[in-house]
Amino acid sequence: MHTRYLPLVLCALASSASASEGVPFAAETIRLVRQDCGSCHGMSLQGGLGTPLTREALAGQSAEALAVIILHGKHGTAMPPWKSLLSAPQAQWIAERLLEGFPEEKQP
């Protein structure tokens, strides 16, 4: 993601509107999480090979800590780093949405 989108991302995250409205990468990122992360964490993010990614399971975690895990993986586990595919703002957005209860993918 280019840095020119950063102000848009910050404004969208700060607004009281839906968490995915106005974020340029929201739809593709929701799909990525539901499909790619879901392959280990379960398609409904309830757990599988990986731990659950539900709001309840992540209670007490900070968005910043989760974003670091998303970007750099978790040593000694099957959690890979995603920094080659995701930007820091995308990882932060994912972490914040996970803590709120991750949105469903909109079907075409």
Foldseek 3Di string as FASTA:
>chain_A
DDCVQVVQLVVLCPDPPPNQPRRPCRQVLLVCCLPVVCVACNNQQCGHVHHRLALVVCPPPDLVVQLCCQQPNDPPGPGHHCVVPDPSSSSSSVSVCSNVGNDHRDDD
